[in-house]
């Protein structure tokens, strides 16, 4: 049974999180994707990995996600990055950080480098989707959809079996969080893992992320027949192998 906690950021905002406390040890920080939560396979898997390897662990649900408070339509990349920033400072403190960013979580991870770059020693991206709001949503919307979004501030987007309420403020905020034009010169271990059958995010986004890092030990792992989530036992074992290499590879 997982023991979740809540951190009160303000009178109206509580963030649910999962942690494994370790003193003076690196922390694995898992950041989930768009409209996801901590109930999936990956957070639990990485939590168990961290406990077994005597690593600290932190995962959180951004506002409007999972059991955290707030409405999804009021959230955006800036707010979700700030909430992550607050939780890391509260739980991880000054310990070294290994980031795991799944889909949108990789975008938020890249935002965190300007805050924690001296602490971050590793970064594992899973189906990384930086700047997806403009490139994979807005640019593909029809004129009618764009008009409706500007007029009403909201549209409902269907993707597979899911429906996403997309707000205009979310799209506009995404444009304030450009990361692909940044350059990071710190020495760290960076691995992007991407399924070659990912129907949500093209593999080129993982390649673009790798170009940001100029002095890192970096590689791209292409998962044969892999989907966007990479949450089956077979794919989770690939992620575990890559995370182990990041943890144990000397800089």
Protein backbone atom coordinates (compact mmCIF):
# COMPACT_ATOMS: atom_id res chain seq x y z
CA UNK A 1 0.00 0.00 0.00
CA UNK A 2 1.46 3.33 -1.05
CA UNK A 3 1.54 6.09 1.54
CA UNK A 4 0.74 9.42 -0.09
CA UNK A 5 1.18 12.81 1.53
CA UNK A 6 -0.28 16.25 0.90
CA UNK A 7 1.63 19.50 0.98
CA UNK A 8 -0.33 22.70 1.50
CA UNK A 9 1.07 25.32 -0.85
CA UNK A 10 -1.64 27.87 -0.05
CA UNK A 11 -5.05 28.03 1.63
CA UNK A 12 -6.65 26.77 -1.57
CA UNK A 13 -3.97 24.47 -2.96
CA UNK A 14 -2.82 21.06 -1.73
CA UNK A 15 -0.41 18.92 -3.75
CA UNK A 16 -0.37 15.14 -3.36
CA UNK A 17 3.05 13.55 -3.40
CA UNK A 18 4.94 10.33 -2.77
CA UNK A 19 8.35 10.22 -1.15
CA UNK A 20 11.08 7.96 0.13
CA UNK A 21 13.24 9.82 2.62
CA UNK A 22 17.00 9.24 2.51
CA UNK A 23 19.52 11.39 4.30
CA UNK A 24 22.48 12.63 2.27
CA UNK A 25 21.61 10.51 -0.77
CA UNK A 26 20.66 11.43 -4.34
CA UNK A 27 16.91 11.73 -5.01
CA UNK A 28 15.02 10.37 -7.98
CA UNK A 29 12.37 12.96 -8.88
CA UNK A 30 9.63 11.58 -11.15
CA UNK A 31 7.48 14.04 -13.11
CA UNK A 32 4.40 12.60 -14.78
CA UNK A 33 2.76 13.63 -18.03
CA UNK A 34 -0.18 15.72 -19.19
CA UNK A 35 -3.44 14.75 -17.41
CA UNK A 36 -1.67 11.85 -15.70
CA UNK A 37 -1.26 11.08 -11.96
CA UNK A 38 0.56 8.88 -9.45
CA UNK A 39 -1.74 5.87 -9.90
CA UNK A 40 0.10 4.53 -12.97
CA UNK A 41 2.80 1.89 -13.22
CA UNK A 42 5.83 4.17 -13.58
CA UNK A 43 5.65 6.14 -10.28
CA UNK A 44 5.29 2.94 -8.23
CA UNK A 45 8.03 1.22 -10.23
CA UNK A 46 10.53 4.05 -9.73
CA UNK A 47 9.53 4.33 -6.06
CA UNK A 48 10.39 0.65 -5.54
CA UNK A 49 13.65 1.06 -7.47
CA UNK A 50 14.64 3.99 -5.26
CA UNK A 51 13.89 2.15 -2.02
CA UNK A 52 15.83 -0.91 -3.15
CA UNK A 53 18.84 1.22 -4.13
CA UNK A 54 18.75 3.42 -1.02
CA UNK A 55 17.91 6.52 -3.04
CA UNK A 56 15.53 9.25 -2.05
CA UNK A 57 12.36 9.57 -4.12
CA UNK A 58 9.82 12.26 -4.87
CA UNK A 59 6.85 12.26 -7.24
CA UNK A 60 3.98 14.71 -7.19
CA UNK A 61 0.67 15.38 -8.89
CA UNK A 62 0.50 18.90 -10.29
CA UNK A 63 -2.58 20.97 -9.43
CA UNK A 64 -5.64 19.78 -11.34
CA UNK A 65 -4.14 16.29 -11.66
CA UNK A 66 -4.95 13.17 -9.64
CA UNK A 67 -5.86 13.95 -6.02
CA UNK A 68 -4.17 17.35 -5.93
CA UNK A 69 -6.51 20.30 -5.57
CA UNK A 70 -7.40 22.79 -8.28
CA UNK A 71 -9.03 22.63 -11.69
CA UNK A 72 -7.06 21.25 -14.62
CA UNK A 73 -8.21 24.12 -16.87
CA UNK A 74 -6.60 26.65 -14.50
CA UNK A 75 -3.19 24.98 -14.62
CA UNK A 76 -0.29 25.60 -16.98
CA UNK A 77 3.40 24.83 -17.46
CA UNK A 78 4.49 27.83 -15.35
CA UNK A 79 2.27 26.85 -12.41
CA UNK A 80 3.15 23.15 -12.57
CA UNK A 81 6.87 24.01 -12.72
CA UNK A 82 6.52 26.29 -9.68
CA UNK A 83 4.70 23.59 -7.68
CA UNK A 84 7.47 21.11 -8.52
CA UNK A 85 10.08 23.69 -7.52
CA UNK A 86 8.38 24.17 -4.12
CA UNK A 87 8.13 20.41 -3.42
CA UNK A 88 11.77 19.77 -4.37
CA UNK A 89 12.94 22.55 -2.04
CA UNK A 90 10.73 21.11 0.72
CA UNK A 91 11.54 17.39 0.34
CA UNK A 92 14.81 17.00 -1.58
CA UNK A 93 16.45 20.13 -0.19
CA UNK A 94 20.17 20.22 -1.09
CA UNK A 95 20.58 16.57 -2.12
CA UNK A 96 21.62 15.64 -5.66
CA UNK A 97 18.77 15.12 -8.14
CA UNK A 98 18.13 12.58 -10.89
CA UNK A 99 15.13 13.77 -12.90
CA UNK A 100 12.76 11.42 -14.68
CA UNK A 101 10.40 13.28 -16.99
CA UNK A 102 7.59 11.39 -18.70
CA UNK A 103 6.14 13.20 -21.75
CA UNK A 104 5.18 16.69 -20.44
CA UNK A 105 7.24 15.87 -17.34
CA UNK A 106 10.37 16.16 -19.50
CA UNK A 107 9.36 19.74 -20.38
CA UNK A 108 8.93 20.60 -16.72
CA UNK A 109 12.25 18.86 -15.99
CA UNK A 110 14.01 21.14 -18.50
CA UNK A 111 12.45 24.16 -16.79
CA UNK A 112 13.96 23.01 -13.49
CA UNK A 113 17.53 23.22 -14.77
CA UNK A 114 17.58 26.98 -14.35
CA UNK A 115 16.69 26.50 -10.66
CA UNK A 116 18.56 23.33 -9.66
CA UNK A 117 21.28 22.93 -12.29
CA UNK A 118 24.05 22.53 -9.68
CA UNK A 119 22.09 19.71 -8.00
CA UNK A 120 20.94 17.79 -11.08
CA UNK A 121 23.31 14.93 -11.94
CA UNK A 122 21.05 12.86 -14.21
CA UNK A 123 18.03 13.17 -16.49
CA UNK A 124 15.95 10.35 -17.96
CA UNK A 125 13.33 11.39 -20.49
CA UNK A 126 10.48 9.06 -21.48
CA UNK A 127 8.63 10.00 -24.67
CA UNK A 128 9.76 13.57 -24.05
CA UNK A 129 7.32 16.27 -25.19
CA UNK A 130 8.79 19.76 -24.69
CA UNK A 131 6.79 22.59 -26.27
CA UNK A 132 4.03 20.16 -27.32
CA UNK A 133 1.26 22.70 -26.69
CA UNK A 134 2.28 24.83 -29.65
CA UNK A 135 3.89 22.26 -31.93
CA UNK A 136 1.64 19.24 -31.43
CA UNK A 137 -1.63 21.02 -30.57
CA UNK A 138 -1.99 24.66 -31.63
CA UNK A 139 -0.25 24.28 -35.00
CA UNK A 140 -2.46 21.29 -35.82
CA UNK A 141 -5.74 22.91 -34.77
CA UNK A 142 -8.10 23.93 -37.56
CA UNK A 143 -9.02 27.59 -38.03
CA UNK A 144 -12.41 26.79 -36.53
CA UNK A 145 -10.81 25.26 -33.40
CA UNK A 146 -8.48 28.24 -32.96
CA UNK A 147 -11.38 30.65 -33.32
CA UNK A 148 -13.46 28.75 -30.77
CA UNK A 149 -10.53 28.60 -28.34
CA UNK A 150 -9.88 32.35 -28.59
CA UNK A 151 -13.59 33.16 -28.26
CA UNK A 152 -14.57 30.77 -25.44
CA UNK A 153 -11.17 30.25 -23.79
CA UNK A 154 -11.69 26.47 -23.91
CA UNK A 155 -12.13 23.55 -26.27
CA UNK A 156 -12.44 19.80 -25.68
CA UNK A 157 -9.83 17.75 -27.48
CA UNK A 158 -10.35 14.04 -28.13
CA UNK A 159 -7.31 11.78 -28.22
CA UNK A 160 -7.99 8.05 -28.36
CA UNK A 161 -10.32 7.17 -25.50
CA UNK A 162 -9.61 10.39 -23.63
CA UNK A 163 -10.99 13.90 -23.70
CA UNK A 164 -8.85 16.87 -22.70
CA UNK A 165 -10.21 20.32 -21.84
CA UNK A 166 -7.66 22.67 -23.41
CA UNK A 167 -7.68 26.29 -22.26
CA UNK A 168 -6.37 29.23 -24.26
CA UNK A 169 -4.35 30.42 -21.26
CA UNK A 170 -2.57 27.01 -21.23
CA UNK A 171 -1.55 27.40 -24.89
CA UNK A 172 -0.37 30.99 -24.36
CA UNK A 173 1.58 30.04 -21.23
CA UNK A 174 3.32 27.27 -23.17
CA UNK A 175 4.82 29.94 -25.43
CA UNK A 176 6.38 31.57 -22.35
CA UNK A 177 8.18 28.33 -21.53
CA UNK A 178 10.39 27.75 -24.55
CA UNK A 179 13.17 25.29 -23.75
CA UNK A 180 14.37 23.85 -27.06
CA UNK A 181 16.40 27.00 -27.81
CA UNK A 182 18.24 26.75 -24.47
CA UNK A 183 21.73 25.34 -23.94
CA UNK A 184 22.85 23.50 -20.81
CA UNK A 185 26.59 23.13 -20.20
CA UNK A 186 26.63 21.19 -16.92
CA UNK A 187 28.22 17.74 -16.95
CA UNK A 188 25.59 15.10 -16.21
CA UNK A 189 24.15 11.83 -17.51
CA UNK A 190 21.24 12.32 -19.94
CA UNK A 191 19.26 9.51 -21.58
CA UNK A 192 16.17 9.89 -23.74
CA UNK A 193 14.02 6.77 -24.19
CA UNK A 194 11.43 6.83 -26.97
CA UNK A 195 9.19 4.15 -28.47
CA UNK A 196 9.39 3.89 -32.25
CA UNK A 197 5.60 3.30 -32.32
CA UNK A 198 4.81 6.38 -30.20
CA UNK A 199 1.61 7.80 -31.72
CA UNK A 200 1.50 10.87 -29.45
CA UNK A 201 4.96 12.42 -29.66
CA UNK A 202 7.43 12.01 -32.56
CA UNK A 203 10.90 10.75 -31.69
CA UNK A 204 12.46 13.95 -33.01
CA UNK A 205 11.51 15.66 -29.73
CA UNK A 206 13.83 13.38 -27.75
CA UNK A 207 16.58 14.16 -30.27
CA UNK A 208 15.94 17.89 -29.85
CA UNK A 209 16.26 17.54 -26.07
CA UNK A 210 19.66 15.87 -26.42
CA UNK A 211 20.91 18.81 -28.49
CA UNK A 212 20.31 21.14 -25.53
CA UNK A 213 23.02 19.40 -23.49
CA UNK A 214 26.52 20.34 -24.61
CA UNK A 215 28.76 18.59 -22.06
CA UNK A 216 26.61 15.65 -20.95
CA UNK A 217 27.11 11.91 -21.28
CA UNK A 218 24.07 11.50 -23.50
CA UNK A 219 22.28 8.90 -25.57
CA UNK A 220 19.00 8.08 -27.28
CA UNK A 221 17.42 4.68 -26.62
CA UNK A 222 14.85 3.68 -29.26
CA UNK A 223 12.41 1.07 -27.97
CA UNK A 224 11.31 -1.34 -30.69
CA UNK A 225 7.49 -1.43 -30.96
CA UNK A 226 7.36 0.87 -27.91
CA UNK A 227 4.33 3.11 -27.39
CA UNK A 228 4.18 6.54 -25.74
CA UNK A 229 3.64 5.31 -22.19
CA UNK A 230 6.27 2.51 -21.99
CA UNK A 231 4.49 1.13 -18.91
CA UNK A 232 4.42 -2.63 -19.54
CA UNK A 233 6.81 -4.85 -17.50
CA UNK A 234 9.03 -5.31 -20.57
CA UNK A 235 9.39 -1.57 -21.14
CA UNK A 236 9.72 -0.78 -17.43
CA UNK A 237 12.73 -3.11 -17.30
CA UNK A 238 14.33 -1.12 -20.13
CA UNK A 239 13.71 2.08 -18.15
CA UNK A 240 15.17 0.47 -15.01
CA UNK A 241 18.32 -0.51 -16.88
CA UNK A 242 18.77 3.02 -18.21
CA UNK A 243 18.09 4.60 -14.82
CA UNK A 244 20.64 2.24 -13.20
CA UNK A 245 23.24 3.37 -15.73
CA UNK A 246 22.50 7.03 -14.99
CA UNK A 247 22.76 6.42 -11.23
CA UNK A 248 26.00 4.42 -11.42
CA UNK A 249 27.84 6.06 -14.31
CA UNK A 250 30.63 8.31 -13.00
CA UNK A 251 30.66 11.86 -14.31
